[in-house]
mmCIF file of all heavy atoms, coordinates in Angstrom:
data_MODEL
# 
_entry.id   MODEL 
# 
loop_
_atom_site.group_PDB 
_atom_site.id 
_atom_site.type_symbol 
_atom_site.label_atom_id 
_atom_site.label_alt_id 
_atom_site.label_comp_id 
_atom_site.label_asym_id 
_atom_site.label_entity_id 
_atom_site.label_seq_id 
_atom_site.pdbx_PDB_ins_code 
_atom_site.Cartn_x 
_atom_site.Cartn_y 
_atom_site.Cartn_z 
_atom_site.occupancy 
_atom_site.B_iso_or_equiv 
_atom_site.pdbx_formal_charge 
_atom_site.auth_seq_id 
_atom_site.auth_comp_id 
_atom_site.auth_asym_id 
_atom_site.auth_atom_id 
_atom_site.pdbx_PDB_model_num 
ATOM 1   N N   . ALA A 1 1  ? 117.927 104.449 108.875 1.00 0.00 ? 1  ALA A N   1 
ATOM 2   C CA  . ALA A 1 1  ? 117.975 103.354 107.868 1.00 0.00 ? 1  ALA A CA  1 
ATOM 3   C C   . ALA A 1 1  ? 116.822 102.387 108.092 1.00 0.00 ? 1  ALA A C   1 
ATOM 4   O O   . ALA A 1 1  ? 116.274 102.323 109.185 1.00 0.00 ? 1  ALA A O   1 
ATOM 5   C CB  . ALA A 1 1  ? 119.325 102.619 107.955 1.00 0.00 ? 1  ALA A CB  1 
ATOM 6   N N   . VAL A 1 2  ? 116.481 101.628 107.075 1.00 0.00 ? 2  VAL A N   1 
ATOM 7   C CA  . VAL A 1 2  ? 115.516 100.572 107.169 1.00 0.00 ? 2  VAL A CA  1 
ATOM 8   C C   . VAL A 1 2  ? 116.206 99.227  106.870 1.00 0.00 ? 2  VAL A C   1 
ATOM 9   O O   . VAL A 1 2  ? 116.933 99.179  105.869 1.00 0.00 ? 2  VAL A O   1 
ATOM 10  C CB  . VAL A 1 2  ? 114.320 100.754 106.187 1.00 0.00 ? 2  VAL A CB  1 
ATOM 11  C CG1 . VAL A 1 2  ? 113.360 99.612  106.264 1.00 0.00 ? 2  VAL A CG1 1 
ATOM 12  C CG2 . VAL A 1 2  ? 113.615 102.097 106.479 1.00 0.00 ? 2  VAL A CG2 1 
ATOM 13  N N   . VAL A 1 3  ? 115.974 98.214  107.686 1.00 0.00 ? 3  VAL A N   1 
ATOM 14  C CA  . VAL A 1 3  ? 116.485 96.906  107.438 1.00 0.00 ? 3  VAL A CA  1 
ATOM 15  C C   . VAL A 1 3  ? 115.294 96.022  107.034 1.00 0.00 ? 3  VAL A C   1 
ATOM 16  O O   . VAL A 1 3  ? 114.353 95.926  107.817 1.00 0.00 ? 3  VAL A O   1 
ATOM 17  C CB  . VAL A 1 3  ? 117.090 96.258  108.698 1.00 0.00 ? 3  VAL A CB  1 
ATOM 18  C CG1 . VAL A 1 3  ? 117.602 94.883  108.386 1.00 0.00 ? 3  VAL A CG1 1 
ATOM 19  C CG2 . VAL A 1 3  ? 118.324 97.183  109.127 1.00 0.00 ? 3  VAL A CG2 1 
ATOM 20  N N   . VAL A 1 4  ? 115.282 95.435  105.857 1.00 0.00 ? 4  VAL A N   1 
ATOM 21  C CA  . VAL A 1 4  ? 114.191 94.657  105.364 1.00 0.00 ? 4  VAL A CA  1 
ATOM 22  C C   . VAL A 1 4  ? 114.637 93.211  105.489 1.00 0.00 ? 4  VAL A C   1 
ATOM 23  O O   . VAL A 1 4  ? 115.690 92.766  104.894 1.00 0.00 ? 4  VAL A O   1 
ATOM 24  C CB  . VAL A 1 4  ? 113.780 94.929  103.904 1.00 0.00 ? 4  VAL A CB  1 
ATOM 25  C CG1 . VAL A 1 4  ? 112.748 93.986  103.402 1.00 0.00 ? 4  VAL A CG1 1 
ATOM 26  C CG2 . VAL A 1 4  ? 113.342 96.400  103.827 1.00 0.00 ? 4  VAL A CG2 1 
ATOM 27  N N   . THR A 1 5  ? 113.860 92.381  106.288 1.00 0.00 ? 5  THR A N   1 
ATOM 28  C CA  . THR A 1 5  ? 114.311 91.009  106.544 1.00 0.00 ? 5  THR A CA  1 
ATOM 29  C C   . THR A 1 5  ? 113.991 90.122  105.427 1.00 0.00 ? 5  THR A C   1 
ATOM 30  O O   . THR A 1 5  ? 114.687 89.140  105.179 1.00 0.00 ? 5  THR A O   1 
ATOM 31  C CB  . THR A 1 5  ? 113.623 90.480  107.840 1.00 0.00 ? 5  THR A CB  1 
ATOM 32  O OG1 . THR A 1 5  ? 112.195 90.558  107.682 1.00 0.00 ? 5  THR A OG1 1 
ATOM 33  C CG2 . THR A 1 5  ? 114.001 91.289  109.046 1.00 0.00 ? 5  THR A CG2 1 
ATOM 34  N N   . HIS A 1 6  ? 112.847 90.280  104.762 1.00 0.00 ? 6  HIS A N   1 
ATOM 35  C CA  . HIS A 1 6  ? 112.477 89.490  103.583 1.00 0.00 ? 6  HIS A CA  1 
ATOM 36  C C   . HIS A 1 6  ? 111.446 90.243  102.739 1.00 0.00 ? 6  HIS A C   1 
ATOM 37  O O   . HIS A 1 6  ? 110.920 91.265  103.171 1.00 0.00 ? 6  HIS A O   1 
ATOM 38  C CB  . HIS A 1 6  ? 112.030 88.124  103.912 1.00 0.00 ? 6  HIS A CB  1 
ATOM 39  C CG  . HIS A 1 6  ? 110.820 88.063  104.777 1.00 0.00 ? 6  HIS A CG  1 
ATOM 40  N ND1 . HIS A 1 6  ? 110.801 88.359  106.199 1.00 0.00 ? 6  HIS A ND1 1 
ATOM 41  C CD2 . HIS A 1 6  ? 109.519 87.750  104.466 1.00 0.00 ? 6  HIS A CD2 1 
ATOM 42  C CE1 . HIS A 1 6  ? 109.578 88.213  106.608 1.00 0.00 ? 6  HIS A CE1 1 
ATOM 43  N NE2 . HIS A 1 6  ? 108.808 87.898  105.625 1.00 0.00 ? 6  HIS A NE2 1 
ATOM 44  N N   . ALA A 1 7  ? 111.170 89.749  101.516 1.00 0.00 ? 7  ALA A N   1 
ATOM 45  C CA  . ALA A 1 7  ? 110.449 90.527  100.531 1.00 0.00 ? 7  ALA A CA  1 
ATOM 46  C C   . ALA A 1 7  ? 108.970 90.341  100.486 1.00 0.00 ? 7  ALA A C   1 
ATOM 47  O O   . ALA A 1 7  ? 108.343 90.775  99.597  1.00 0.00 ? 7  ALA A O   1 
ATOM 48  C CB  . ALA A 1 7  ? 111.018 90.207  99.159  1.00 0.00 ? 7  ALA A CB  1 
ATOM 49  N N   . HIS A 1 8  ? 108.331 89.807  101.555 1.00 0.00 ? 8  HIS A N   1 
ATOM 50  C CA  . HIS A 1 8  ? 106.870 89.823  101.632 1.00 0.00 ? 8  HIS A CA  1 
ATOM 51  C C   . HIS A 1 8  ? 106.332 91.174  101.742 1.00 0.00 ? 8  HIS A C   1 
ATOM 52  O O   . HIS A 1 8  ? 106.919 92.086  102.434 1.00 0.00 ? 8  HIS A O   1 
ATOM 53  C CB  . HIS A 1 8  ? 106.349 88.995  102.777 1.00 0.00 ? 8  HIS A CB  1 
ATOM 54  C CG  . HIS A 1 8  ? 106.549 87.527  102.700 1.00 0.00 ? 8  HIS A CG  1 
ATOM 55  N ND1 . HIS A 1 8  ? 106.459 86.661  103.751 1.00 0.00 ? 8  HIS A ND1 1 
ATOM 56  C CD2 . HIS A 1 8  ? 106.913 86.815  101.660 1.00 0.00 ? 8  HIS A CD2 1 
ATOM 57  C CE1 . HIS A 1 8  ? 106.768 85.436  103.334 1.00 0.00 ? 8  HIS A CE1 1 
ATOM 58  N NE2 . HIS A 1 8  ? 107.029 85.497  102.057 1.00 0.00 ? 8  HIS A NE2 1 
ATOM 59  N N   . LEU A 1 9  ? 105.166 91.480  101.108 1.00 0.00 ? 9  LEU A N   1 
ATOM 60  C CA  . LEU A 1 9  ? 104.591 92.810  101.111 1.00 0.00 ? 9  LEU A CA  1 
ATOM 61  C C   . LEU A 1 9  ? 104.327 93.346  102.489 1.00 0.00 ? 9  LEU A C   1 
ATOM 62  O O   . LEU A 1 9  ? 104.469 94.597  102.807 1.00 0.00 ? 9  LEU A O   1 
ATOM 63  C CB  . LEU A 1 9  ? 103.312 92.775  100.294 1.00 0.00 ? 9  LEU A CB  1 
ATOM 64  C CG  . LEU A 1 9  ? 102.752 94.138  99.865  1.00 0.00 ? 9  LEU A CG  1 
ATOM 65  C CD1 . LEU A 1 9  ? 103.702 94.957  98.950  1.00 0.00 ? 9  LEU A CD1 1 
ATOM 66  C CD2 . LEU A 1 9  ? 101.430 94.021  99.177  1.00 0.00 ? 9  LEU A CD2 1 
ATOM 67  N N   . ASP A 1 10 ? 103.988 92.473  103.456 1.00 0.00 ? 10 ASP A N   1 
ATOM 68  C CA  . ASP A 1 10 ? 103.734 92.868  104.809 1.00 0.00 ? 10 ASP A CA  1 
ATOM 69  C C   . ASP A 1 10 ? 105.074 93.176  105.583 1.00 0.00 ? 10 ASP A C   1 
ATOM 70  O O   . ASP A 1 10 ? 105.036 93.534  106.745 1.00 0.00 ? 10 ASP A O   1 
ATOM 71  C CB  . ASP A 1 10 ? 102.863 91.864  105.593 1.00 0.00 ? 10 ASP A CB  1 
ATOM 72  C CG  . ASP A 1 10 ? 103.509 90.536  105.809 1.00 0.00 ? 10 ASP A CG  1 
ATOM 73  O OD1 . ASP A 1 10 ? 104.266 90.105  104.878 1.00 0.00 ? 10 ASP A OD1 1 
ATOM 74  O OD2 . ASP A 1 10 ? 103.273 89.890  106.804 1.00 0.00 ? 10 ASP A OD2 1 
ATOM 75  N N   . HIS A 1 11 ? 106.192 93.127  104.849 1.00 0.00 ? 11 HIS A N   1 
ATOM 76  C CA  . HIS A 1 11 ? 107.518 93.487  105.464 1.00 0.00 ? 11 HIS A CA  1 
ATOM 77  C C   . HIS A 1 11 ? 108.156 94.547  104.628 1.00 0.00 ? 11 HIS A C   1 
ATOM 78  O O   . HIS A 1 11 ? 109.138 95.178  105.205 1.00 0.00 ? 11 HIS A O   1 
ATOM 79  C CB  . HIS A 1 11 ? 108.377 92.260  105.534 1.00 0.00 ? 11 HIS A CB  1 
ATOM 80  C CG  . HIS A 1 11 ? 107.959 91.287  106.615 1.00 0.00 ? 11 HIS A CG  1 
ATOM 81  N ND1 . HIS A 1 11 ? 108.525 91.276  107.872 1.00 0.00 ? 11 HIS A ND1 1 
ATOM 82  C CD2 . HIS A 1 11 ? 106.934 90.395  106.703 1.00 0.00 ? 11 HIS A CD2 1 
ATOM 83  C CE1 . HIS A 1 11 ? 107.984 90.366  108.592 1.00 0.00 ? 11 HIS A CE1 1 
ATOM 84  N NE2 . HIS A 1 11 ? 106.960 89.821  107.889 1.00 0.00 ? 11 HIS A NE2 1 
ATOM 85  N N   . CYS A 1 12 ? 107.783 94.838  103.399 1.00 0.00 ? 12 CYS A N   1 
ATOM 86  C CA  . CYS A 1 12 ? 108.467 95.857  102.598 1.00 0.00 ? 12 CYS A CA  1 
ATOM 87  C C   . CYS A 1 12 ? 107.515 96.857  101.900 1.00 0.00 ? 12 CYS A C   1 
ATOM 88  O O   . CYS A 1 12 ? 107.900 97.847  101.374 1.00 0.00 ? 12 CYS A O   1 
ATOM 89  C CB  . CYS A 1 12 ? 109.413 95.244  101.593 1.00 0.00 ? 12 CYS A CB  1 
ATOM 90  S SG  . CYS A 1 12 ? 108.545 94.360  100.168 1.00 0.00 ? 12 CYS A SG  1 
ATOM 91  N N   . GLY A 1 13 ? 106.200 96.557  101.961 1.00 0.00 ? 13 GLY A N   1 
ATOM 92  C CA  . GLY A 1 13 ? 105.190 97.355  101.134 1.00 0.00 ? 13 GLY A CA  1 
ATOM 93  C C   . GLY A 1 13 ? 104.986 98.769  101.531 1.00 0.00 ? 13 GLY A C   1 
ATOM 94  O O   . GLY A 1 13 ? 104.465 99.513  100.732 1.00 0.00 ? 13 GLY A O   1 
ATOM 95  N N   . TYR A 1 14 ? 105.312 99.173  102.754 1.00 0.00 ? 14 TYR A N   1 
ATOM 96  C CA  . TYR A 1 14 ? 105.149 100.478 103.197 1.00 0.00 ? 14 TYR A CA  1 
ATOM 97  C C   . TYR A 1 14 ? 106.292 101.433 102.842 1.00 0.00 ? 14 TYR A C   1 
ATOM 98  O O   . TYR A 1 14 ? 106.227 102.643 103.041 1.00 0.00 ? 14 TYR A O   1 
ATOM 99  C CB  . TYR A 1 14 ? 104.910 100.505 104.723 1.00 0.00 ? 14 TYR A CB  1 
ATOM 100 C CG  . TYR A 1 14 ? 104.399 101.798 105.347 1.00 0.00 ? 14 TYR A CG  1 
ATOM 101 C CD1 . TYR A 1 14 ? 103.008 102.013 105.346 1.00 0.00 ? 14 TYR A CD1 1 
ATOM 102 C CD2 . TYR A 1 14 ? 105.192 102.731 105.992 1.00 0.00 ? 14 TYR A CD2 1 
ATOM 103 C CE1 . TYR A 1 14 ? 102.501 103.195 105.986 1.00 0.00 ? 14 TYR A CE1 1 
ATOM 104 C CE2 . TYR A 1 14 ? 104.737 103.889 106.519 1.00 0.00 ? 14 TYR A CE2 1 
ATOM 105 C CZ  . TYR A 1 14 ? 103.348 104.147 106.487 1.00 0.00 ? 14 TYR A CZ  1 
ATOM 106 O OH  . TYR A 1 14 ? 102.830 105.270 107.028 1.00 0.00 ? 14 TYR A OH  1 
ATOM 107 N N   . LEU A 1 15 ? 107.372 100.883 102.213 1.00 0.00 ? 15 LEU A N   1 
ATOM 108 C CA  . LEU A 1 15 ? 108.470 101.675 101.871 1.00 0.00 ? 15 LEU A CA  1 
ATOM 109 C C   . LEU A 1 15 ? 108.123 102.910 101.004 1.00 0.00 ? 15 LEU A C   1 
ATOM 110 O O   . LEU A 1 15 ? 108.705 103.986 101.355 1.00 0.00 ? 15 LEU A O   1 
ATOM 111 C CB  . LEU A 1 15 ? 109.594 100.855 101.145 1.00 0.00 ? 15 LEU A CB  1 
ATOM 112 C CG  . LEU A 1 15 ? 110.321 99.842  102.056 1.00 0.00 ? 15 LEU A CG  1 
ATOM 113 C CD1 . LEU A 1 15 ? 111.159 98.849  101.238 1.00 0.00 ? 15 LEU A CD1 1 
ATOM 114 C CD2 . LEU A 1 15 ? 111.269 100.590 103.038 1.00 0.00 ? 15 LEU A CD2 1 
ATOM 115 N N   . PRO A 1 16 ? 107.359 102.824 99.995  1.00 0.00 ? 16 PRO A N   1 
ATOM 116 C CA  . PRO A 1 16 ? 106.998 103.968 99.231  1.00 0.00 ? 16 PRO A CA  1 
ATOM 117 C C   . PRO A 1 16 ? 106.323 105.082 100.096 1.00 0.00 ? 16 PRO A C   1 
ATOM 118 O O   . PRO A 1 16 ? 106.625 106.305 99.918  1.00 0.00 ? 16 PRO A O   1 
ATOM 119 C CB  . PRO A 1 16 ? 106.061 103.509 98.120  1.00 0.00 ? 16 PRO A CB  1 
ATOM 120 C CG  . PRO A 1 16 ? 106.447 102.085 97.973  1.00 0.00 ? 16 PRO A CG  1 
ATOM 121 C CD  . PRO A 1 16 ? 106.753 101.629 99.358  1.00 0.00 ? 16 PRO A CD  1 
ATOM 122 N N   . ARG A 1 17 ? 105.499 104.693 100.980 1.00 0.00 ? 17 ARG A N   1 
ATOM 123 C CA  . ARG A 1 17 ? 104.810 105.653 101.858 1.00 0.00 ? 17 ARG A CA  1 
ATOM 124 C C   . ARG A 1 17 ? 105.826 106.330 102.836 1.00 0.00 ? 17 ARG A C   1 
ATOM 125 O O   . ARG A 1 17 ? 105.782 107.521 103.067 1.00 0.00 ? 17 ARG A O   1 
ATOM 126 C CB  . ARG A 1 17 ? 103.672 104.988 102.758 1.00 0.00 ? 17 ARG A CB  1 
ATOM 127 C CG  . ARG A 1 17 ? 102.582 104.550 101.975 1.00 0.00 ? 17 ARG A CG  1 
ATOM 128 C CD  . ARG A 1 17 ? 101.462 105.521 101.781 1.00 0.00 ? 17 ARG A CD  1 
ATOM 129 N NE  . ARG A 1 17 ? 100.979 106.088 103.072 1.00 0.00 ? 17 ARG A NE  1 
ATOM 130 C CZ  . ARG A 1 17 ? 100.527 107.272 103.233 1.00 0.00 ? 17 ARG A CZ  1 
ATOM 131 N NH1 . ARG A 1 17 ? 100.488 108.102 102.185 1.00 0.00 ? 17 ARG A NH1 1 
ATOM 132 N NH2 . ARG A 1 17 ? 100.098 107.677 104.352 1.00 0.00 ? 17 ARG A NH2 1 
ATOM 133 N N   . LEU A 1 18 ? 106.760 105.527 103.333 1.00 0.00 ? 18 LEU A N   1 
ATOM 134 C CA  . LEU A 1 18 ? 107.828 106.040 104.204 1.00 0.00 ? 18 LEU A CA  1 
ATOM 135 C C   . LEU A 1 18 ? 108.652 107.085 103.459 1.00 0.00 ? 18 LEU A C   1 
ATOM 136 O O   . LEU A 1 18 ? 108.944 108.159 104.041 1.00 0.00 ? 18 LEU A O   1 
ATOM 137 C CB  . LEU A 1 18 ? 108.734 104.851 104.690 1.00 0.00 ? 18 LEU A CB  1 
ATOM 138 C CG  . LEU A 1 18 ? 109.746 105.286 105.759 1.00 0.00 ? 18 LEU A CG  1 
ATOM 139 C CD1 . LEU A 1 18 ? 108.981 105.575 107.060 1.00 0.00 ? 18 LEU A CD1 1 
ATOM 140 C CD2 . LEU A 1 18 ? 110.694 104.106 105.972 1.00 0.00 ? 18 LEU A CD2 1 
ATOM 141 N N   . VAL A 1 19 ? 108.999 106.813 102.257 1.00 0.00 ? 19 VAL A N   1 
ATOM 142 C CA  . VAL A 1 19 ? 109.778 107.781 101.413 1.00 0.00 ? 19 VAL A CA  1 
ATOM 143 C C   . VAL A 1 19 ? 108.918 109.078 101.169 1.00 0.00 ? 19 VAL A C   1 
ATOM 144 O O   . VAL A 1 19 ? 109.448 110.142 101.350 1.00 0.00 ? 19 VAL A O   1 
ATOM 145 C CB  . VAL A 1 19 ? 110.227 107.161 100.087 1.00 0.00 ? 19 VAL A CB  1 
ATOM 146 C CG1 . VAL A 1 19 ? 110.769 108.295 99.097  1.00 0.00 ? 19 VAL A CG1 1 
ATOM 147 C CG2 . VAL A 1 19 ? 111.262 106.136 100.364 1.00 0.00 ? 19 VAL A CG2 1 
ATOM 148 N N   . ARG A 1 20 ? 107.627 108.846 100.870 1.00 0.00 ? 20 ARG A N   1 
ATOM 149 C CA  . ARG A 1 20 ? 106.767 110.044 100.696 1.00 0.00 ? 20 ARG A CA  1 
ATOM 150 C C   . ARG A 1 20 ? 106.651 110.847 101.956 1.00 0.00 ? 20 ARG A C   1 
ATOM 151 O O   . ARG A 1 20 ? 106.497 112.055 101.908 1.00 0.00 ? 20 ARG A O   1 
ATOM 152 C CB  . ARG A 1 20 ? 105.388 109.548 100.268 1.00 0.00 ? 20 ARG A CB  1 
ATOM 153 C CG  . ARG A 1 20 ? 104.517 110.685 99.840  1.00 0.00 ? 20 ARG A CG  1 
ATOM 154 C CD  . ARG A 1 20 ? 103.292 110.196 99.170  1.00 0.00 ? 20 ARG A CD  1 
ATOM 155 N NE  . ARG A 1 20 ? 102.673 111.312 98.517  1.00 0.00 ? 20 ARG A NE  1 
ATOM 156 C CZ  . ARG A 1 20 ? 101.624 111.282 97.717  1.00 0.00 ? 20 ARG A CZ  1 
ATOM 157 N NH1 . ARG A 1 20 ? 101.150 110.135 97.504  1.00 0.00 ? 20 ARG A NH1 1 
ATOM 158 N NH2 . ARG A 1 20 ? 101.150 112.314 97.221  1.00 0.00 ? 20 ARG A NH2 1 
ATOM 159 N N   . GLN A 1 21 ? 106.810 110.237 103.150 1.00 0.00 ? 21 GLN A N   1 
ATOM 160 C CA  . GLN A 1 21 ? 106.749 111.015 104.379 1.00 0.00 ? 21 GLN A CA  1 
ATOM 161 C C   . GLN A 1 21 ? 108.082 111.578 104.749 1.00 0.00 ? 21 GLN A C   1 
ATOM 162 O O   . GLN A 1 21 ? 108.174 112.222 105.813 1.00 0.00 ? 21 GLN A O   1 
ATOM 163 C CB  . GLN A 1 21 ? 106.340 110.056 105.519 1.00 0.00 ? 21 GLN A CB  1 
ATOM 164 C CG  . GLN A 1 21 ? 104.905 109.548 105.398 1.00 0.00 ? 21 GLN A CG  1 
ATOM 165 C CD  . GLN A 1 21 ? 104.493 108.589 106.427 1.00 0.00 ? 21 GLN A CD  1 
ATOM 166 O OE1 . GLN A 1 21 ? 104.949 108.614 107.574 1.00 0.00 ? 21 GLN A OE1 1 
ATOM 167 N NE2 . GLN A 1 21 ? 103.687 107.599 106.068 1.00 0.00 ? 21 GLN A NE2 1 
ATOM 168 N N   . GLY A 1 22 ? 109.119 111.418 103.957 1.00 0.00 ? 22 GLY A N   1 
ATOM 169 C CA  . GLY A 1 22 ? 110.406 112.078 104.202 1.00 0.00 ? 22 GLY A CA  1 
ATOM 170 C C   . GLY A 1 22 ? 111.646 111.292 104.495 1.00 0.00 ? 22 GLY A C   1 
ATOM 171 O O   . GLY A 1 22 ? 112.732 111.734 104.701 1.00 0.00 ? 22 GLY A O   1 
ATOM 172 N N   . PHE A 1 23 ? 111.481 109.878 104.522 1.00 0.00 ? 23 PHE A N   1 
ATOM 173 C CA  . PHE A 1 23 ? 112.656 109.064 104.706 1.00 0.00 ? 23 PHE A CA  1 
ATOM 174 C C   . PHE A 1 23 ? 113.629 109.157 103.536 1.00 0.00 ? 23 PHE A C   1 
ATOM 175 O O   . PHE A 1 23 ? 113.207 109.110 102.365 1.00 0.00 ? 23 PHE A O   1 
ATOM 176 C CB  . PHE A 1 23 ? 112.199 107.616 104.839 1.00 0.00 ? 23 PHE A CB  1 
ATOM 177 C CG  . PHE A 1 23 ? 113.395 106.620 104.896 1.00 0.00 ? 23 PHE A CG  1 
ATOM 178 C CD1 . PHE A 1 23 ? 114.173 106.536 106.009 1.00 0.00 ? 23 PHE A CD1 1 
ATOM 179 C CD2 . PHE A 1 23 ? 113.641 105.804 103.774 1.00 0.00 ? 23 PHE A CD2 1 
ATOM 180 C CE1 . PHE A 1 23 ? 115.250 105.643 106.001 1.00 0.00 ? 23 PHE A CE1 1 
ATOM 181 C CE2 . PHE A 1 23 ? 114.669 104.938 103.835 1.00 0.00 ? 23 PHE A CE2 1 
ATOM 182 C CZ  . PHE A 1 23 ? 115.503 104.852 104.953 1.00 0.00 ? 23 PHE A CZ  1 
ATOM 183 N N   . ARG A 1 24 ? 114.897 109.373 103.832 1.00 0.00 ? 24 ARG A N   1 
ATOM 184 C CA  . ARG A 1 24 ? 115.937 109.438 102.752 1.00 0.00 ? 24 ARG A CA  1 
ATOM 185 C C   . ARG A 1 24 ? 117.176 108.606 103.036 1.00 0.00 ? 24 ARG A C   1 
ATOM 186 O O   . ARG A 1 24 ? 118.124 108.736 102.341 1.00 0.00 ? 24 ARG A O   1 
ATOM 187 C CB  . ARG A 1 24 ? 116.370 110.946 102.646 1.00 0.00 ? 24 ARG A CB  1 
ATOM 188 C CG  . ARG A 1 24 ? 115.225 111.873 102.175 1.00 0.00 ? 24 ARG A CG  1 
ATOM 189 C CD  . ARG A 1 24 ? 114.769 111.530 100.816 1.00 0.00 ? 24 ARG A CD  1 
ATOM 190 N NE  . ARG A 1 24 ? 113.756 112.430 100.378 1.00 0.00 ? 24 ARG A NE  1 
ATOM 191 C CZ  . ARG A 1 24 ? 112.413 112.197 100.391 1.00 0.00 ? 24 ARG A CZ  1 
ATOM 192 N NH1 . ARG A 1 24 ? 112.009 111.103 101.048 1.00 0.00 ? 24 ARG A NH1 1 
ATOM 193 N NH2 . ARG A 1 24 ? 111.555 113.077 100.007 1.00 0.00 ? 24 ARG A NH2 1 
ATOM 194 N N   . GLY A 1 25 ? 117.070 107.694 103.993 1.00 0.00 ? 25 GLY A N   1 
ATOM 195 C CA  . GLY A 1 25 ? 118.204 106.873 104.361 1.00 0.00 ? 25 GLY A CA  1 
ATOM 196 C C   . GLY A 1 25 ? 118.350 105.572 103.504 1.00 0.00 ? 25 GLY A C   1 
ATOM 197 O O   . GLY A 1 25 ? 117.509 105.396 102.580 1.00 0.00 ? 25 GLY A O   1 
ATOM 198 N N   . PRO A 1 26 ? 119.324 104.775 103.769 1.00 0.00 ? 26 PRO A N   1 
ATOM 199 C CA  . PRO A 1 26 ? 119.500 103.585 103.022 1.00 0.00 ? 26 PRO A CA  1 
ATOM 200 C C   . PRO A 1 26 ? 118.474 102.481 103.443 1.00 0.00 ? 26 PRO A C   1 
ATOM 201 O O   . PRO A 1 26 ? 117.935 102.551 104.554 1.00 0.00 ? 26 PRO A O   1 
ATOM 202 C CB  . PRO A 1 26 ? 120.935 103.095 103.395 1.00 0.00 ? 26 PRO A CB  1 
ATOM 203 C CG  . PRO A 1 26 ? 121.133 103.721 104.729 1.00 0.00 ? 26 PRO A CG  1 
ATOM 204 C CD  . PRO A 1 26 ? 120.400 105.031 104.760 1.00 0.00 ? 26 PRO A CD  1 
ATOM 205 N N   . ILE A 1 27 ? 118.183 101.610 102.537 1.00 0.00 ? 27 ILE A N   1 
ATOM 206 C CA  . ILE A 1 27 ? 117.311 100.473 102.818 1.00 0.00 ? 27 ILE A CA  1 
ATOM 207 C C   . ILE A 1 27 ? 118.241 99.272  102.667 1.00 0.00 ? 27 ILE A C   1 
ATOM 208 O O   . ILE A 1 27 ? 118.861 99.051  101.672 1.00 0.00 ? 27 ILE A O   1 
ATOM 209 C CB  . ILE A 1 27 ? 116.173 100.384 101.786 1.00 0.00 ? 27 ILE A CB  1 
ATOM 210 C CG1 . ILE A 1 27 ? 115.273 101.564 101.882 1.00 0.00 ? 27 ILE A CG1 1 
ATOM 211 C CG2 . ILE A 1 27 ? 115.400 99.090  102.026 1.00 0.00 ? 27 ILE A CG2 1 
ATOM 212 C CD1 . ILE A 1 27 ? 114.279 101.725 100.836 1.00 0.00 ? 27 ILE A CD1 1 
ATOM 213 N N   . LEU A 1 28 ? 118.463 98.593  103.796 1.00 0.00 ? 28 LEU A N   1 
ATOM 214 C CA  . LEU A 1 28 ? 119.410 97.509  103.861 1.00 0.00 ? 28 LEU A CA  1 
ATOM 215 C C   . LEU A 1 28 ? 118.742 96.137  103.752 1.00 0.00 ? 28 LEU A C   1 
ATOM 216 O O   . LEU A 1 28 ? 117.739 95.905  104.496 1.00 0.00 ? 28 LEU A O   1 
ATOM 217 C CB  . LEU A 1 28 ? 120.204 97.577  105.188 1.00 0.00 ? 28 LEU A CB  1 
ATOM 218 C CG  . LEU A 1 28 ? 120.809 98.980  105.498 1.00 0.00 ? 28 LEU A CG  1 
ATOM 219 C CD1 . LEU A 1 28 ? 121.333 99.037  106.855 1.00 0.00 ? 28 LEU A CD1 1 
ATOM 220 C CD2 . LEU A 1 28 ? 121.913 99.252  104.462 1.00 0.00 ? 28 LEU A CD2 1 
ATOM 221 N N   . ALA A 1 29 ? 119.235 95.266  102.875 1.00 0.00 ? 29 ALA A N   1 
ATOM 222 C CA  . ALA A 1 29 ? 118.674 93.960  102.672 1.00 0.00 ? 29 ALA A CA  1 
ATOM 223 C C   . ALA A 1 29 ? 119.731 93.109  101.950 1.00 0.00 ? 29 ALA A C   1 
ATOM 224 O O   . ALA A 1 29 ? 120.591 93.674  101.318 1.00 0.00 ? 29 ALA A O   1 
ATOM 225 C CB  . ALA A 1 29 ? 117.357 94.048  101.873 1.00 0.00 ? 29 ALA A CB  1 
ATOM 226 N N   . SER A 1 30 ? 119.559 91.839  101.968 1.00 0.00 ? 30 SER A N   1 
ATOM 227 C CA  . SER A 1 30 ? 120.408 91.004  101.167 1.00 0.00 ? 30 SER A CA  1 
ATOM 228 C C   . SER A 1 30 ? 120.141 91.300  99.725  1.00 0.00 ? 30 SER A C   1 
ATOM 229 O O   . SER A 1 30 ? 119.009 91.837  99.344  1.00 0.00 ? 30 SER A O   1 
ATOM 230 C CB  . SER A 1 30 ? 120.172 89.524  101.473 1.00 0.00 ? 30 SER A CB  1 
ATOM 231 O OG  . SER A 1 30 ? 118.909 89.112  100.918 1.00 0.00 ? 30 SER A OG  1 
# 
């Protein structure tokens, strides 16, 4: 799983690349 602390690009912007590399778990955030 990925826990996103806040929505700045330097904290969430790599998510599409992570998915492209094979991540399939939940993304947890408020």
